[in-house]
C-alpha atoms as a PDB file:
ATOM      1  CA  MET A   1      -1.418  -9.491 -22.490  1.00  0.00           C
ATOM      2  CA  GLU A   2      -3.952  -8.651 -25.192  1.00  0.00           C
ATOM      3  CA  GLU A   3      -6.102 -11.603 -24.156  1.00  0.00           C
ATOM      4  CA  ILE A   4      -6.018 -10.558 -20.501  1.00  0.00           C
ATOM      5  CA  GLU A   5      -6.881  -6.978 -21.436  1.00  0.00           C
ATOM      6  CA  SER A   6      -9.808  -8.160 -23.565  1.00  0.00           C
ATOM      7  CA  TYR A   7     -11.371  -9.513 -20.358  1.00  0.00           C
ATOM      8  CA  GLY A   8     -10.995  -6.136 -18.677  1.00  0.00           C
ATOM      9  CA  GLY A   9      -8.058  -7.376 -16.631  1.00  0.00           C
ATOM     10  CA  PHE A  10     -10.296  -9.595 -14.514  1.00  0.00           C
ATOM     11  CA  ILE A  11      -9.216 -13.065 -15.505  1.00  0.00           C
ATOM     12  CA  LYS A  12      -7.559 -15.875 -13.613  1.00  0.00           C
ATOM     13  CA  VAL A  13      -4.566 -17.307 -15.448  1.00  0.00           C
ATOM     14  CA  HIS A  14      -3.113 -20.719 -14.623  1.00  0.00           C
ATOM     15  CA  ILE A  15       0.290 -21.217 -16.207  1.00  0.00           C
ATOM     16  CA  ASP A  16       3.210 -23.529 -15.632  1.00  0.00           C
ATOM     17  CA  SER A  17       6.038 -21.663 -13.908  1.00  0.00           C
ATOM     18  CA  TYR A  18       8.573 -22.846 -16.483  1.00  0.00           C
ATOM     19  CA  LEU A  19       6.421 -21.559 -19.334  1.00  0.00           C
ATOM     20  CA  ALA A  20       5.903 -18.264 -17.506  1.00  0.00           C
ATOM     21  CA  ASP A  21       9.684 -17.951 -17.196  1.00  0.00           C
ATOM     22  CA  ASP A  22      10.212 -18.874 -20.852  1.00  0.00           C
ATOM     23  CA  ILE A  23       7.859 -16.128 -22.067  1.00  0.00           C
ATOM     24  CA  TYR A  24       9.036 -13.574 -19.465  1.00  0.00           C
ATOM     25  CA  LEU A  25       5.510 -13.184 -18.109  1.00  0.00           C
ATOM     26  CA  ASP A  26       6.633 -11.209 -15.036  1.00  0.00           C
ATOM     27  CA  ASP A  27       8.413  -8.716 -17.279  1.00  0.00           C
ATOM     28  CA  GLN A  28       5.343  -8.422 -19.495  1.00  0.00           C
ATOM     29  CA  PHE A  29       3.122  -7.708 -16.475  1.00  0.00           C
ATOM     30  CA  LEU A  30       5.547  -5.083 -15.189  1.00  0.00           C
ATOM     31  CA  GLU A  31       5.821  -3.415 -18.596  1.00  0.00           C
ATOM     32  CA  TYR A  32       2.041  -3.367 -18.959  1.00  0.00           C
ATOM     33  CA  PHE A  33       1.658  -1.950 -15.449  1.00  0.00           C
ATOM     34  CA  VAL A  34       4.116   0.888 -16.101  1.00  0.00           C
ATOM     35  CA  GLU A  35       2.503   1.697 -19.464  1.00  0.00           C
ATOM     36  CA  HIS A  36      -0.909   1.968 -17.789  1.00  0.00           C
ATOM     37  CA  ALA A  37       0.163   3.542 -14.481  1.00  0.00           C
ATOM     38  CA  GLU A  38      -1.509   6.888 -15.200  1.00  0.00           C
ATOM     39  CA  GLU A  39      -4.822   5.118 -15.886  1.00  0.00           C
ATOM     40  CA  ILE A  40      -4.436   3.155 -12.653  1.00  0.00           C
ATOM     41  CA  ILE A  41      -3.904   6.378 -10.722  1.00  0.00           C
ATOM     42  CA  LYS A  42      -7.023   7.918 -12.268  1.00  0.00           C
ATOM     43  CA  ASP A  43      -9.074   4.834 -11.402  1.00  0.00           C
ATOM     44  CA  PHE A  44      -8.039   4.984  -7.744  1.00  0.00           C
ATOM     45  CA  GLU A  45      -7.411   8.705  -7.160  1.00  0.00           C
ATOM     46  CA  ASP A  46     -10.506   8.992  -4.933  1.00  0.00           C
ATOM     47  CA  GLU A  47      -9.033   6.330  -2.641  1.00  0.00           C
ATOM     48  CA  LEU A  48      -5.445   7.649  -2.576  1.00  0.00           C
ATOM     49  CA  SER A  49      -3.971  10.672  -0.847  1.00  0.00           C
ATOM     50  CA  GLU A  50      -1.813  13.144  -2.786  1.00  0.00           C
ATOM     51  CA  GLU A  51       1.181  11.788  -0.878  1.00  0.00           C
ATOM     52  CA  GLU A  52       0.395   8.214  -1.964  1.00  0.00           C
ATOM     53  CA  ILE A  53      -0.027   9.311  -5.580  1.00  0.00           C
ATOM     54  CA  GLN A  54       3.323  11.152  -5.502  1.00  0.00           C
ATOM     55  CA  GLU A  55       5.026   8.132  -3.918  1.00  0.00           C
ATOM     56  CA  PHE A  56       3.523   5.845  -6.572  1.00  0.00           C
ATOM     57  CA  LYS A  57       4.706   8.111  -9.385  1.00  0.00           C
ATOM     58  CA  VAL A  58       8.237   8.357  -7.986  1.00  0.00           C
ATOM     59  CA  GLU A  59       8.459   4.621  -7.327  1.00  0.00           C
ATOM     60  CA  HIS A  60       7.474   3.781 -10.899  1.00  0.00           C
ATOM     61  CA  GLY A  61       9.574   6.451 -12.599  1.00  0.00           C
ATOM     62  CA  LEU A  62       6.701   8.667 -13.719  1.00  0.00           C
ATOM     63  CA  ILE A  63       8.275  11.681 -12.000  1.00  0.00           C
ATOM     64  CA  GLU A  64      11.582  12.382 -10.297  1.00  0.00           C
ATOM     65  CA  GLU A  65      11.814  12.540  -6.533  1.00  0.00           C
ATOM     66  CA  ASP A  66      12.009  16.021  -5.002  1.00  0.00           C
ATOM     67  CA  GLU A  67      15.497  16.795  -3.774  1.00  0.00           C
ATOM     68  CA  ASP A  68      14.320  18.888  -0.809  1.00  0.00           C
END
């Protein structure tokens, strides 16, 4: 993940599916995504509605869903 981040996140990675499974690559991507979710929102807030931002935050556990 550090190597991918060093390229600014714009890198194409070719990896054998068995190796990806062995190193839990999907889990690492998900963990990285959740850790950086607030930054992602800031980067795209001009393109997202408030409703979309709220939905994103709820879906990824950043806030709890309103019980209205």
